[in-house]
C-alpha atoms as a PDB file:
ATOM      1  CA  MET A   1     117.516  80.461  11.910  1.00  0.00           C
ATOM      2  CA  SER A   2     121.290  79.727  11.747  1.00  0.00           C
ATOM      3  CA  SER A   3     122.248  76.330  13.288  1.00  0.00           C
ATOM      4  CA  ARG A   4     124.246  78.183  15.693  1.00  0.00           C
ATOM      5  CA  ASN A   5     121.403  79.880  17.356  1.00  0.00           C
ATOM      6  CA  LEU A   6     119.233  76.528  17.549  1.00  0.00           C
ATOM      7  CA  PRO A   7     118.729  75.457  21.248  1.00  0.00           C
ATOM      8  CA  LEU A   8     121.121  72.809  22.469  1.00  0.00           C
ATOM      9  CA  GLU A   9     118.815  69.762  22.326  1.00  0.00           C
ATOM     10  CA  LYS A  10     118.148  70.515  18.646  1.00  0.00           C
ATOM     11  CA  GLN A  11     121.800  71.090  17.883  1.00  0.00           C
ATOM     12  CA  MET A  12     122.537  67.704  19.695  1.00  0.00           C
ATOM     13  CA  GLU A  13     119.563  66.129  17.592  1.00  0.00           C
ATOM     14  CA  ILE A  14     120.699  67.318  14.202  1.00  0.00           C
ATOM     15  CA  MET A  15     124.060  66.085  14.947  1.00  0.00           C
ATOM     16  CA  ASN A  16     123.106  62.835  15.951  1.00  0.00           C
ATOM     17  CA  ARG A  17     121.136  62.267  12.583  1.00  0.00           C
ATOM     18  CA  GLN A  18     124.255  63.676  10.819  1.00  0.00           C
ATOM     19  CA  VAL A  19     126.488  61.026  12.624  1.00  0.00           C
ATOM     20  CA  SER A  20     123.984  58.121  12.166  1.00  0.00           C
ATOM     21  CA  ALA A  21     123.586  58.690   8.581  1.00  0.00           C
ATOM     22  CA  GLN A  22     127.557  58.931   8.036  1.00  0.00           C
ATOM     23  CA  ILE A  23     128.135  55.619  10.249  1.00  0.00           C
ATOM     24  CA  ARG A  24     125.510  53.777   8.108  1.00  0.00           C
ATOM     25  CA  SER A  25     127.357  54.805   4.993  1.00  0.00           C
ATOM     26  CA  LEU A  26     130.486  53.794   6.573  1.00  0.00           C
ATOM     27  CA  LEU A  27     129.480  50.353   7.712  1.00  0.00           C
ATOM     28  CA  ARG A  28     128.115  49.645   4.223  1.00  0.00           C
ATOM     29  CA  ILE A  29     131.766  50.057   2.980  1.00  0.00           C
ATOM     30  CA  GLU A  30     133.748  48.366   6.047  1.00  0.00           C
ATOM     31  CA  LEU A  31     131.119  45.541   6.489  1.00  0.00           C
ATOM     32  CA  ASP A  32     129.868  45.102   2.791  1.00  0.00           C
ATOM     33  CA  LYS A  33     130.376  41.209   2.585  1.00  0.00           C
ATOM     34  CA  TYR A  34     129.224  40.681   6.438  1.00  0.00           C
ATOM     35  CA  SER A  35     125.534  41.889   6.690  1.00  0.00           C
ATOM     36  CA  SER A  36     124.901  39.956  10.009  1.00  0.00           C
ATOM     37  CA  LEU A  37     127.851  41.631  11.703  1.00  0.00           C
ATOM     38  CA  ARG A  38     126.868  45.136  10.247  1.00  0.00           C
ATOM     39  CA  ARG A  39     123.442  44.432  11.435  1.00  0.00           C
ATOM     40  CA  MET A  40     124.734  43.856  15.082  1.00  0.00           C
ATOM     41  CA  VAL A  41     127.025  46.780  14.929  1.00  0.00           C
ATOM     42  CA  LEU A  42     124.439  49.149  13.742  1.00  0.00           C
ATOM     43  CA  TYR A  43     122.019  48.048  16.349  1.00  0.00           C
ATOM     44  CA  ALA A  44     125.031  48.790  19.104  1.00  0.00           C
ATOM     45  CA  VAL A  45     125.189  52.376  17.382  1.00  0.00           C
ATOM     46  CA  LYS A  46     121.644  53.177  17.602  1.00  0.00           C
ATOM     47  CA  TYR A  47     120.988  51.863  21.146  1.00  0.00           C
ATOM     48  CA  ALA A  48     123.923  54.071  22.251  1.00  0.00           C
ATOM     49  CA  TYR A  49     122.218  57.381  21.351  1.00  0.00           C
ATOM     50  CA  PRO A  50     121.747  60.176  21.988  1.00  0.00           C
ATOM     51  CA  SER A  51     125.186  60.846  22.976  1.00  0.00           C
ATOM     52  CA  GLU A  52     127.300  63.954  24.247  1.00  0.00           C
ATOM     53  CA  TYR A  53     130.498  62.742  23.284  1.00  0.00           C
ATOM     54  CA  PRO A  54     130.593  63.030  19.726  1.00  0.00           C
ATOM     55  CA  PHE A  55     128.773  66.532  20.262  1.00  0.00           C
ATOM     56  CA  ILE A  56     131.793  67.674  22.656  1.00  0.00           C
ATOM     57  CA  ALA A  57     134.336  66.581  20.289  1.00  0.00           C
ATOM     58  CA  LEU A  58     132.396  68.343  17.302  1.00  0.00           C
ATOM     59  CA  ASN A  59     132.323  71.338  19.275  1.00  0.00           C
ATOM     60  CA  ALA A  60     136.114  71.201  20.501  1.00  0.00           C
ATOM     61  CA  PHE A  61     136.764  71.001  16.689  1.00  0.00           C
ATOM     62  CA  LYS A  62     134.510  74.212  15.964  1.00  0.00           C
ATOM     63  CA  LEU A  63     135.921  76.327  18.405  1.00  0.00           C
ATOM     64  CA  SER A  64     139.105  76.867  16.575  1.00  0.00           C
ATOM     65  CA  LYS A  65     136.833  78.645  14.139  1.00  0.00           C
ATOM     66  CA  ARG A  66     138.074  75.776  11.281  1.00  0.00           C
ATOM     67  CA  PHE A  67     135.152  73.540  10.585  1.00  0.00           C
ATOM     68  CA  ASN A  68     135.110  70.876   7.938  1.00  0.00           C
ATOM     69  CA  SER A  69     134.064  67.275   6.937  1.00  0.00           C
ATOM     70  CA  ARG A  70     136.831  66.026   9.186  1.00  0.00           C
ATOM     71  CA  ALA A  71     134.985  67.563  12.194  1.00  0.00           C
ATOM     72  CA  LEU A  72     131.948  65.201  11.249  1.00  0.00           C
ATOM     73  CA  ASN A  73     134.556  62.186  10.514  1.00  0.00           C
ATOM     74  CA  LEU A  74     135.915  62.745  14.350  1.00  0.00           C
ATOM     75  CA  ALA A  75     132.326  62.753  15.767  1.00  0.00           C
ATOM     76  CA  CYS A  76     131.560  59.308  13.953  1.00  0.00           C
ATOM     77  CA  GLY A  77     134.852  57.956  15.207  1.00  0.00           C
ATOM     78  CA  VAL A  78     134.101  59.004  19.040  1.00  0.00           C
ATOM     79  CA  HIS A  79     130.618  57.638  18.741  1.00  0.00           C
ATOM     80  CA  LEU A  80     131.837  54.362  17.742  1.00  0.00           C
ATOM     81  CA  LEU A  81     134.453  53.970  20.102  1.00  0.00           C
ATOM     82  CA  GLN A  82     132.073  55.597  22.941  1.00  0.00           C
ATOM     83  CA  ALA A  83     129.320  52.701  21.976  1.00  0.00           C
ATOM     84  CA  SER A  84     131.573  50.168  21.748  1.00  0.00           C
ATOM     85  CA  THR A  85     132.384  50.917  25.268  1.00  0.00           C
ATOM     86  CA  PHE A  86     128.640  50.507  26.064  1.00  0.00           C
ATOM     87  CA  VAL A  87     128.646  46.990  24.504  1.00  0.00           C
ATOM     88  CA  LEU A  88     131.462  45.883  26.791  1.00  0.00           C
ATOM     89  CA  ASP A  89     130.108  47.599  29.719  1.00  0.00           C
ATOM     90  CA  ASP A  90     126.816  45.754  29.398  1.00  0.00           C
ATOM     91  CA  VAL A  91     128.939  42.449  29.287  1.00  0.00           C
ATOM     92  CA  PHE A  92     130.713  42.979  32.607  1.00  0.00           C
ATOM     93  CA  ASP A  93     127.070  44.288  34.055  1.00  0.00           C
ATOM     94  CA  GLU A  94     125.121  41.373  32.511  1.00  0.00           C
ATOM     95  CA  SER A  95     122.606  44.283  31.599  1.00  0.00           C
ATOM     96  CA  ASP A  96     119.757  43.481  29.687  1.00  0.00           C
ATOM     97  CA  MET A  97     118.323  46.622  28.827  1.00  0.00           C
ATOM     98  CA  ARG A  98     119.882  49.982  27.440  1.00  0.00           C
ATOM     99  CA  ASN A  99     117.940  53.092  26.143  1.00  0.00           C
ATOM    100  CA  ASN A 100     115.017  50.894  26.763  1.00  0.00           C
ATOM    101  CA  ARG A 101     116.029  48.232  24.286  1.00  0.00           C
ATOM    102  CA  PRO A 102     117.706  44.796  24.449  1.00  0.00           C
ATOM    103  CA  THR A 103     121.535  45.259  24.976  1.00  0.00           C
ATOM    104  CA  VAL A 104     123.700  43.438  22.391  1.00  0.00           C
ATOM    105  CA  VAL A 105     124.751  40.797  25.021  1.00  0.00           C
ATOM    106  CA  ARG A 106     121.094  39.944  25.602  1.00  0.00           C
ATOM    107  CA  GLU A 107     120.427  39.517  21.814  1.00  0.00           C
ATOM    108  CA  TRP A 108     123.408  37.764  20.620  1.00  0.00           C
ATOM    109  CA  GLY A 109     125.313  36.664  23.445  1.00  0.00           C
ATOM    110  CA  VAL A 110     128.632  37.324  25.148  1.00  0.00           C
ATOM    111  CA  LYS A 111     130.868  36.198  22.123  1.00  0.00           C
ATOM    112  CA  ASN A 112     129.084  38.146  19.751  1.00  0.00           C
ATOM    113  CA  ALA A 113     129.088  41.076  21.811  1.00  0.00           C
ATOM    114  CA  ILE A 114     132.822  40.753  22.372  1.00  0.00           C
ATOM    115  CA  ILE A 115     133.275  40.834  18.542  1.00  0.00           C
ATOM    116  CA  VAL A 116     131.022  43.541  17.728  1.00  0.00           C
ATOM    117  CA  ALA A 117     132.772  46.073  20.140  1.00  0.00           C
ATOM    118  CA  GLU A 118     136.146  44.852  18.920  1.00  0.00           C
ATOM    119  CA  VAL A 119     135.356  45.883  15.254  1.00  0.00           C
ATOM    120  CA  MET A 120     133.551  49.157  16.207  1.00  0.00           C
ATOM    121  CA  GLN A 121     136.818  50.042  17.947  1.00  0.00           C
ATOM    122  CA  SER A 122     138.870  48.874  14.932  1.00  0.00           C
ATOM    123  CA  ILE A 123     136.874  50.943  12.665  1.00  0.00           C
ATOM    124  CA  ALA A 124     136.500  54.080  15.249  1.00  0.00           C
ATOM    125  CA  ARG A 125     140.452  54.300  15.518  1.00  0.00           C
ATOM    126  CA  ARG A 126     140.860  54.030  11.959  1.00  0.00           C
ATOM    127  CA  VAL A 127     138.127  56.940  11.202  1.00  0.00           C
ATOM    128  CA  ILE A 128     139.731  59.124  14.036  1.00  0.00           C
ATOM    129  CA  SER A 129     143.249  58.392  12.793  1.00  0.00           C
ATOM    130  CA  GLY A 130     142.094  59.857   9.153  1.00  0.00           C
ATOM    131  CA  THR A 131     140.856  62.940  10.806  1.00  0.00           C
ATOM    132  CA  ILE A 132     144.568  63.829  12.024  1.00  0.00           C
ATOM    133  CA  ARG A 133     146.516  62.827   9.070  1.00  0.00           C
ATOM    134  CA  GLY A 134     148.461  65.621   7.579  1.00  0.00           C
ATOM    135  CA  LEU A 135     148.748  67.404  10.898  1.00  0.00           C
ATOM    136  CA  PRO A 136     152.181  68.781  11.507  1.00  0.00           C
ATOM    137  CA  ASN A 137     154.224  66.264  12.913  1.00  0.00           C
ATOM    138  CA  ARG A 138     154.398  67.511  16.461  1.00  0.00           C
ATOM    139  CA  ILE A 139     150.692  67.751  16.526  1.00  0.00           C
ATOM    140  CA  LEU A 140     150.149  64.458  14.690  1.00  0.00           C
ATOM    141  CA  HIS A 141     152.236  62.637  17.212  1.00  0.00           C
ATOM    142  CA  ARG A 142     150.525  64.090  20.416  1.00  0.00           C
ATOM    143  CA  ALA A 143     146.866  63.320  18.860  1.00  0.00           C
ATOM    144  CA  GLU A 144     148.101  59.685  18.184  1.00  0.00           C
ATOM    145  CA  GLU A 145     149.204  59.538  21.838  1.00  0.00           C
ATOM    146  CA  VAL A 146     145.981  60.751  22.926  1.00  0.00           C
ATOM    147  CA  LEU A 147     143.894  58.066  21.197  1.00  0.00           C
ATOM    148  CA  SER A 148     146.120  55.424  22.271  1.00  0.00           C
ATOM    149  CA  ASP A 149     146.036  56.480  25.940  1.00  0.00           C
ATOM    150  CA  LEU A 150     142.251  57.071  25.457  1.00  0.00           C
ATOM    151  CA  VAL A 151     141.681  53.192  25.046  1.00  0.00           C
ATOM    152  CA  LYS A 152     144.401  51.970  27.417  1.00  0.00           C
ATOM    153  CA  ASP A 153     142.998  54.203  30.161  1.00  0.00           C
ATOM    154  CA  VAL A 154     139.147  53.101  29.838  1.00  0.00           C
ATOM    155  CA  TYR A 155     139.880  49.335  29.977  1.00  0.00           C
ATOM    156  CA  THR A 156     142.449  49.760  32.775  1.00  0.00           C
ATOM    157  CA  GLY A 157     139.792  51.521  34.542  1.00  0.00           C
ATOM    158  CA  GLN A 158     137.281  48.675  33.676  1.00  0.00           C
ATOM    159  CA  TRP A 159     139.760  46.446  35.325  1.00  0.00           C
ATOM    160  CA  LEU A 160     139.976  48.454  38.444  1.00  0.00           C
ATOM    161  CA  ASP A 161     136.175  48.686  38.607  1.00  0.00           C
ATOM    162  CA  LEU A 162     135.737  44.548  38.269  1.00  0.00           C
ATOM    163  CA  ARG A 163     138.478  44.102  40.909  1.00  0.00           C
ATOM    164  CA  ASN A 164     136.610  46.499  43.178  1.00  0.00           C
ATOM    165  CA  SER A 165     133.362  44.568  42.478  1.00  0.00           C
ATOM    166  CA  GLY A 166     131.603  42.019  44.622  1.00  0.00           C
ATOM    167  CA  ASN A 167     133.160  41.162  47.951  1.00  0.00           C
ATOM    168  CA  ARG A 168     135.746  44.362  48.071  1.00  0.00           C
ATOM    169  CA  ILE A 169     134.538  47.678  48.607  1.00  0.00           C
ATOM    170  CA  ALA A 170     136.994  50.457  47.250  1.00  0.00           C
ATOM    171  CA  SER A 171     138.119  53.357  49.015  1.00  0.00           C
ATOM    172  CA  LYS A 172     136.641  56.833  47.876  1.00  0.00           C
ATOM    173  CA  LYS A 173     140.463  57.132  46.618  1.00  0.00           C
ATOM    174  CA  GLU A 174     140.463  54.104  44.784  1.00  0.00           C
ATOM    175  CA  TYR A 175     137.008  55.126  43.281  1.00  0.00           C
ATOM    176  CA  LEU A 176     137.808  58.416  42.099  1.00  0.00           C
ATOM    177  CA  SER A 177     140.945  56.964  40.393  1.00  0.00           C
ATOM    178  CA  MET A 178     138.857  54.723  38.618  1.00  0.00           C
ATOM    179  CA  ILE A 179     136.230  57.046  37.341  1.00  0.00           C
ATOM    180  CA  ALA A 180     138.959  59.530  36.260  1.00  0.00           C
ATOM    181  CA  LEU A 181     140.270  56.435  33.855  1.00  0.00           C
ATOM    182  CA  THR A 182     137.186  55.243  32.754  1.00  0.00           C
ATOM    183  CA  THR A 183     135.392  58.574  32.163  1.00  0.00           C
ATOM    184  CA  GLY A 184     137.188  61.550  33.379  1.00  0.00           C
ATOM    185  CA  ARG A 185     140.306  61.225  30.912  1.00  0.00           C
ATOM    186  CA  PHE A 186     137.852  59.567  28.205  1.00  0.00           C
ATOM    187  CA  VAL A 187     136.092  62.901  27.788  1.00  0.00           C
ATOM    188  CA  SER A 188     139.057  64.916  28.484  1.00  0.00           C
ATOM    189  CA  ARG A 189     140.910  62.765  25.293  1.00  0.00           C
ATOM    190  CA  VAL A 190     137.690  63.441  23.367  1.00  0.00           C
ATOM    191  CA  SER A 191     138.092  66.937  23.751  1.00  0.00           C
ATOM    192  CA  SER A 192     141.723  67.207  22.950  1.00  0.00           C
ATOM    193  CA  LEU A 193     141.332  65.179  19.901  1.00  0.00           C
ATOM    194  CA  GLY A 194     138.744  67.498  18.718  1.00  0.00           C
ATOM    195  CA  ALA A 195     141.055  70.447  19.384  1.00  0.00           C
ATOM    196  CA  LEU A 196     144.295  68.954  17.756  1.00  0.00           C
ATOM    197  CA  ALA A 197     142.625  67.846  14.959  1.00  0.00           C
ATOM    198  CA  SER A 198     141.299  71.324  13.975  1.00  0.00           C
ATOM    199  CA  GLY A 199     144.922  72.777  14.786  1.00  0.00           C
ATOM    200  CA  ALA A 200     143.884  74.559  17.730  1.00  0.00           C
ATOM    201  CA  SER A 201     146.218  76.739  19.931  1.00  0.00           C
ATOM    202  CA  PRO A 202     148.070  75.018  22.988  1.00  0.00           C
ATOM    203  CA  ALA A 203     145.826  77.124  25.441  1.00  0.00           C
ATOM    204  CA  LEU A 204     142.701  75.836  23.617  1.00  0.00           C
ATOM    205  CA  VAL A 205     143.622  72.361  23.660  1.00  0.00           C
ATOM    206  CA  ASP A 206     144.596  72.682  27.464  1.00  0.00           C
ATOM    207  CA  GLY A 207     141.536  74.282  28.253  1.00  0.00           C
ATOM    208  CA  LEU A 208     139.209  71.622  26.530  1.00  0.00           C
ATOM    209  CA  SER A 209     141.423  69.060  28.008  1.00  0.00           C
ATOM    210  CA  ARG A 210     140.494  70.180  31.419  1.00  0.00           C
ATOM    211  CA  TYR A 211     136.983  70.982  30.348  1.00  0.00           C
ATOM    212  CA  GLY A 212     136.440  67.376  29.505  1.00  0.00           C
ATOM    213  CA  PHE A 213     138.039  65.783  32.364  1.00  0.00           C
ATOM    214  CA  HIS A 214     135.662  67.847  34.824  1.00  0.00           C
ATOM    215  CA  TYR A 215     132.597  67.108  32.699  1.00  0.00           C
ATOM    216  CA  GLY A 216     133.425  63.528  32.566  1.00  0.00           C
ATOM    217  CA  MET A 217     133.870  63.568  36.367  1.00  0.00           C
ATOM    218  CA  ALA A 218     130.491  65.289  37.058  1.00  0.00           C
ATOM    219  CA  LEU A 219     128.790  62.920  34.431  1.00  0.00           C
ATOM    220  CA  GLN A 220     129.934  59.821  36.275  1.00  0.00           C
ATOM    221  CA  LEU A 221     129.099  61.107  39.521  1.00  0.00           C
ATOM    222  CA  ALA A 222     125.618  62.129  38.306  1.00  0.00           C
ATOM    223  CA  ASP A 223     125.368  58.512  36.816  1.00  0.00           C
ATOM    224  CA  ASP A 224     126.179  56.920  40.185  1.00  0.00           C
ATOM    225  CA  LEU A 225     123.240  58.985  41.976  1.00  0.00           C
ATOM    226  CA  ILE A 226     120.601  58.085  39.182  1.00  0.00           C
ATOM    227  CA  ASP A 227     121.506  54.338  39.541  1.00  0.00           C
ATOM    228  CA  VAL A 228     120.526  54.726  43.005  1.00  0.00           C
ATOM    229  CA  CYS A 229     117.752  57.181  42.851  1.00  0.00           C
ATOM    230  CA  GLU A 230     115.734  56.225  39.690  1.00  0.00           C
ATOM    231  CA  THR A 231     113.836  53.239  38.351  1.00  0.00           C
ATOM    232  CA  SER A 232     114.224  51.601  34.911  1.00  0.00           C
ATOM    233  CA  ASP A 233     111.543  53.387  33.463  1.00  0.00           C
ATOM    234  CA  GLN A 234     113.433  56.905  34.039  1.00  0.00           C
ATOM    235  CA  THR A 235     116.976  55.589  33.426  1.00  0.00           C
ATOM    236  CA  LEU A 236     115.894  53.168  30.462  1.00  0.00           C
ATOM    237  CA  LYS A 237     118.404  50.659  31.618  1.00  0.00           C
ATOM    238  CA  SER A 238     117.997  47.853  33.858  1.00  0.00           C
ATOM    239  CA  PHE A 239     117.047  48.818  37.379  1.00  0.00           C
ATOM    240  CA  ALA A 240     120.045  49.593  39.919  1.00  0.00           C
ATOM    241  CA  CYS A 241     122.738  47.601  37.592  1.00  0.00           C
ATOM    242  CA  ASP A 242     125.431  48.986  39.595  1.00  0.00           C
ATOM    243  CA  LEU A 243     123.914  48.169  42.979  1.00  0.00           C
ATOM    244  CA  LYS A 244     123.147  44.439  41.755  1.00  0.00           C
ATOM    245  CA  CYS A 245     126.660  43.940  40.729  1.00  0.00           C
ATOM    246  CA  ARG A 246     127.785  45.164  43.895  1.00  0.00           C
ATOM    247  CA  ARG A 247     129.866  47.638  42.296  1.00  0.00           C
ATOM    248  CA  SER A 248     131.935  50.117  44.458  1.00  0.00           C
ATOM    249  CA  ARG A 249     130.088  53.520  43.524  1.00  0.00           C
ATOM    250  CA  LEU A 250     130.632  56.557  45.761  1.00  0.00           C
ATOM    251  CA  PRO A 251     127.161  56.875  46.866  1.00  0.00           C
ATOM    252  CA  LEU A 252     127.615  53.379  48.745  1.00  0.00           C
ATOM    253  CA  ILE A 253     131.086  54.265  49.900  1.00  0.00           C
ATOM    254  CA  THR A 254     129.981  57.386  51.377  1.00  0.00           C
ATOM    255  CA  ALA A 255     127.049  55.581  53.021  1.00  0.00           C
ATOM    256  CA  LEU A 256     129.090  53.118  54.565  1.00  0.00           C
ATOM    257  CA  GLN A 257     131.164  55.737  56.437  1.00  0.00           C
ATOM    258  CA  LEU A 258     127.995  57.868  57.393  1.00  0.00           C
ATOM    259  CA  SER A 259     125.450  55.190  58.388  1.00  0.00           C
ATOM    260  CA  PRO A 260     124.981  53.760  61.948  1.00  0.00           C
ATOM    261  CA  PRO A 261     126.223  50.588  62.760  1.00  0.00           C
ATOM    262  CA  ASP A 262     123.486  48.672  62.313  1.00  0.00           C
ATOM    263  CA  LYS A 263     122.886  50.198  58.832  1.00  0.00           C
ATOM    264  CA  VAL A 264     126.509  49.539  57.985  1.00  0.00           C
ATOM    265  CA  ARG A 265     126.077  45.914  58.775  1.00  0.00           C
ATOM    266  CA  THR A 266     123.155  45.678  56.424  1.00  0.00           C
ATOM    267  CA  LEU A 267     125.280  47.255  53.884  1.00  0.00           C
ATOM    268  CA  LYS A 268     128.170  45.071  54.338  1.00  0.00           C
ATOM    269  CA  ARG A 269     125.913  41.808  54.336  1.00  0.00           C
ATOM    270  CA  TYR A 270     124.783  42.966  51.090  1.00  0.00           C
ATOM    271  CA  ILE A 271     128.332  43.540  49.757  1.00  0.00           C
ATOM    272  CA  SER A 272     129.485  40.078  50.869  1.00  0.00           C
ATOM    273  CA  SER A 273     126.665  38.210  49.135  1.00  0.00           C
ATOM    274  CA  ARG A 274     127.378  36.086  46.390  1.00  0.00           C
ATOM    275  CA  ARG A 275     123.754  36.063  44.617  1.00  0.00           C
ATOM    276  CA  GLU A 276     122.233  38.549  42.426  1.00  0.00           C
ATOM    277  CA  LEU A 277     119.957  41.030  44.399  1.00  0.00           C
ATOM    278  CA  SER A 278     116.293  41.006  43.438  1.00  0.00           C
ATOM    279  CA  ASP A 279     114.598  44.294  42.592  1.00  0.00           C
ATOM    280  CA  ARG A 280     113.031  44.650  45.980  1.00  0.00           C
ATOM    281  CA  GLU A 281     116.383  44.126  47.734  1.00  0.00           C
ATOM    282  CA  ALA A 282     118.116  46.652  45.470  1.00  0.00           C
ATOM    283  CA  LYS A 283     115.500  49.367  46.372  1.00  0.00           C
ATOM    284  CA  THR A 284     116.063  48.380  50.235  1.00  0.00           C
ATOM    285  CA  ILE A 285     119.780  49.111  49.810  1.00  0.00           C
ATOM    286  CA  ALA A 286     119.098  52.083  47.839  1.00  0.00           C
ATOM    287  CA  LYS A 287     116.694  53.298  50.562  1.00  0.00           C
ATOM    288  CA  LEU A 288     119.559  53.055  53.007  1.00  0.00           C
ATOM    289  CA  ILE A 289     121.998  55.037  50.965  1.00  0.00           C
ATOM    290  CA  CYS A 290     119.545  57.695  50.560  1.00  0.00           C
ATOM    291  CA  LEU A 291     118.742  57.645  54.374  1.00  0.00           C
ATOM    292  CA  SER A 292     122.631  58.021  54.861  1.00  0.00           C
ATOM    293  CA  GLY A 293     122.959  61.347  53.536  1.00  0.00           C
ATOM    294  CA  ALA A 294     125.334  60.363  51.265  1.00  0.00           C
ATOM    295  CA  LEU A 295     123.667  61.603  48.047  1.00  0.00           C
ATOM    296  CA  GLY A 296     123.977  65.246  49.058  1.00  0.00           C
ATOM    297  CA  ILE A 297     127.882  64.821  49.279  1.00  0.00           C
ATOM    298  CA  VAL A 298     128.019  62.997  46.084  1.00  0.00           C
ATOM    299  CA  LEU A 299     125.918  66.008  44.597  1.00  0.00           C
ATOM    300  CA  LYS A 300     128.179  68.543  45.791  1.00  0.00           C
ATOM    301  CA  MET A 301     130.868  66.991  44.272  1.00  0.00           C
ATOM    302  CA  THR A 302     129.437  66.642  40.956  1.00  0.00           C
ATOM    303  CA  GLU A 303     128.247  70.504  41.058  1.00  0.00           C
ATOM    304  CA  ASP A 304     132.138  71.262  41.993  1.00  0.00           C
ATOM    305  CA  HIS A 305     133.239  69.591  38.754  1.00  0.00           C
ATOM    306  CA  ALA A 306     130.660  70.859  36.667  1.00  0.00           C
ATOM    307  CA  ARG A 307     131.628  74.583  37.768  1.00  0.00           C
ATOM    308  CA  ALA A 308     135.376  73.593  37.224  1.00  0.00           C
ATOM    309  CA  ALA A 309     134.321  72.512  33.442  1.00  0.00           C
ATOM    310  CA  ILE A 310     132.823  75.856  32.957  1.00  0.00           C
ATOM    311  CA  LYS A 311     135.693  77.618  34.508  1.00  0.00           C
ATOM    312  CA  SER A 312     138.148  75.848  32.012  1.00  0.00           C
ATOM    313  CA  LEU A 313     136.308  77.646  29.096  1.00  0.00           C
ATOM    314  CA  GLU A 314     135.899  81.154  30.663  1.00  0.00           C
ATOM    315  CA  GLN A 315     138.494  82.907  28.254  1.00  0.00           C
ATOM    316  CA  PHE A 316     136.824  81.359  25.136  1.00  0.00           C
ATOM    317  CA  ILE A 317     133.011  81.855  26.429  1.00  0.00           C
ATOM    318  CA  ASP A 318     132.473  84.672  23.754  1.00  0.00           C
ATOM    319  CA  TYR A 319     132.202  81.681  21.095  1.00  0.00           C
ATOM    320  CA  SER A 320     129.161  79.765  20.666  1.00  0.00           C
ATOM    321  CA  PRO A 321     130.680  76.367  20.760  1.00  0.00           C
ATOM    322  CA  ALA A 322     132.037  77.309  24.137  1.00  0.00           C
ATOM    323  CA  ARG A 323     128.631  78.700  25.427  1.00  0.00           C
ATOM    324  CA  LEU A 324     127.210  75.171  23.963  1.00  0.00           C
ATOM    325  CA  LEU A 325     129.805  73.105  25.879  1.00  0.00           C
ATOM    326  CA  CYS A 326     129.083  75.051  29.013  1.00  0.00           C
ATOM    327  CA  GLU A 327     125.236  74.555  28.712  1.00  0.00           C
ATOM    328  CA  LEU A 328     125.719  70.667  28.316  1.00  0.00           C
ATOM    329  CA  VAL A 329     127.557  70.736  31.600  1.00  0.00           C
ATOM    330  CA  GLU A 330     125.330  72.736  33.193  1.00  0.00           C
ATOM    331  CA  ASP A 331     122.613  70.340  32.523  1.00  0.00           C
ATOM    332  CA  ILE A 332     124.267  67.422  34.521  1.00  0.00           C
ATOM    333  CA  PRO A 333     123.798  68.957  38.204  1.00  0.00           C
ATOM    334  CA  SER A 334     120.391  70.599  37.412  1.00  0.00           C
ATOM    335  CA  GLY A 335     119.144  66.935  36.273  1.00  0.00           C
ATOM    336  CA  ILE A 336     119.939  65.634  39.926  1.00  0.00           C
ATOM    337  CA  LYS A 337     119.520  68.602  42.160  1.00  0.00           C
ATOM    338  CA  ASP A 338     116.512  66.938  44.094  1.00  0.00           C
ATOM    339  CA  TYR A 339     118.503  64.118  45.138  1.00  0.00           C
ATOM    340  CA  LYS A 340     120.015  65.663  48.409  1.00  0.00           C
END
């Protein structure tokens, strides 16, 4: 059976194995003299699987009908870059678990976690830069801007997220601006890099950019629902990490708007608390959010972004990579449809 006819999950599994093998080879060269550091970086790469972002970059590249070794290199760079953001995210969230494994910060501490993330980003940017080298100057300049803006925006968004944590609750507008930076534009630029690196037409670059933005927004909204609704056994992460860190997430923001006054007071007491919540307290807050009707509103927004992502690739749907990307985004709302 041709690989293009394999189910989505199988194709992602194959790609993840290829990316993992190539990254191991790359790190043996890049960190040849620093085996302990290499071991930490490999650990961070491994706990970031399975990942959709390199799969999106790979299929964005394939959509131009030009597939070569640069496509896999790009996927490796994207995975290293994404995994580095997970390492730092776990530092900010003081998270102990990811994908059912101890996080880098738990295993080796804050200082080592920051160093691991910085090393991963440096290697990722060099790998991605190598995939766009040799492109016409106009396309090369745009690709370099996309890569630079990707890193800047994701950490600007992280700063906004930290600023809106704790005692201050963000508005819906502030929240959407934050996730547009951390996730929407991140995936948009990953998609754009795949298209630009392959020399795709402007129409395809634009379509993939819009696809990535809406995919990222749907993914983040779904993740916020999962934080409220699922246990650590289901998420393979620390339970209700965002709730415990008192992060401004749309389910909480919406619950404050919809809940009766006595429940609003309870939610606000939680927001103003300066101590870490226990699992039991987090479950109580999650239940109040669920009872408010907020989840149905967030789910609808998730579905709207998923539909917009699919619409962005309508004119390319005859091609297998576009169908795979649409199938990928269809999985987001289907996985959370019972949260209303």
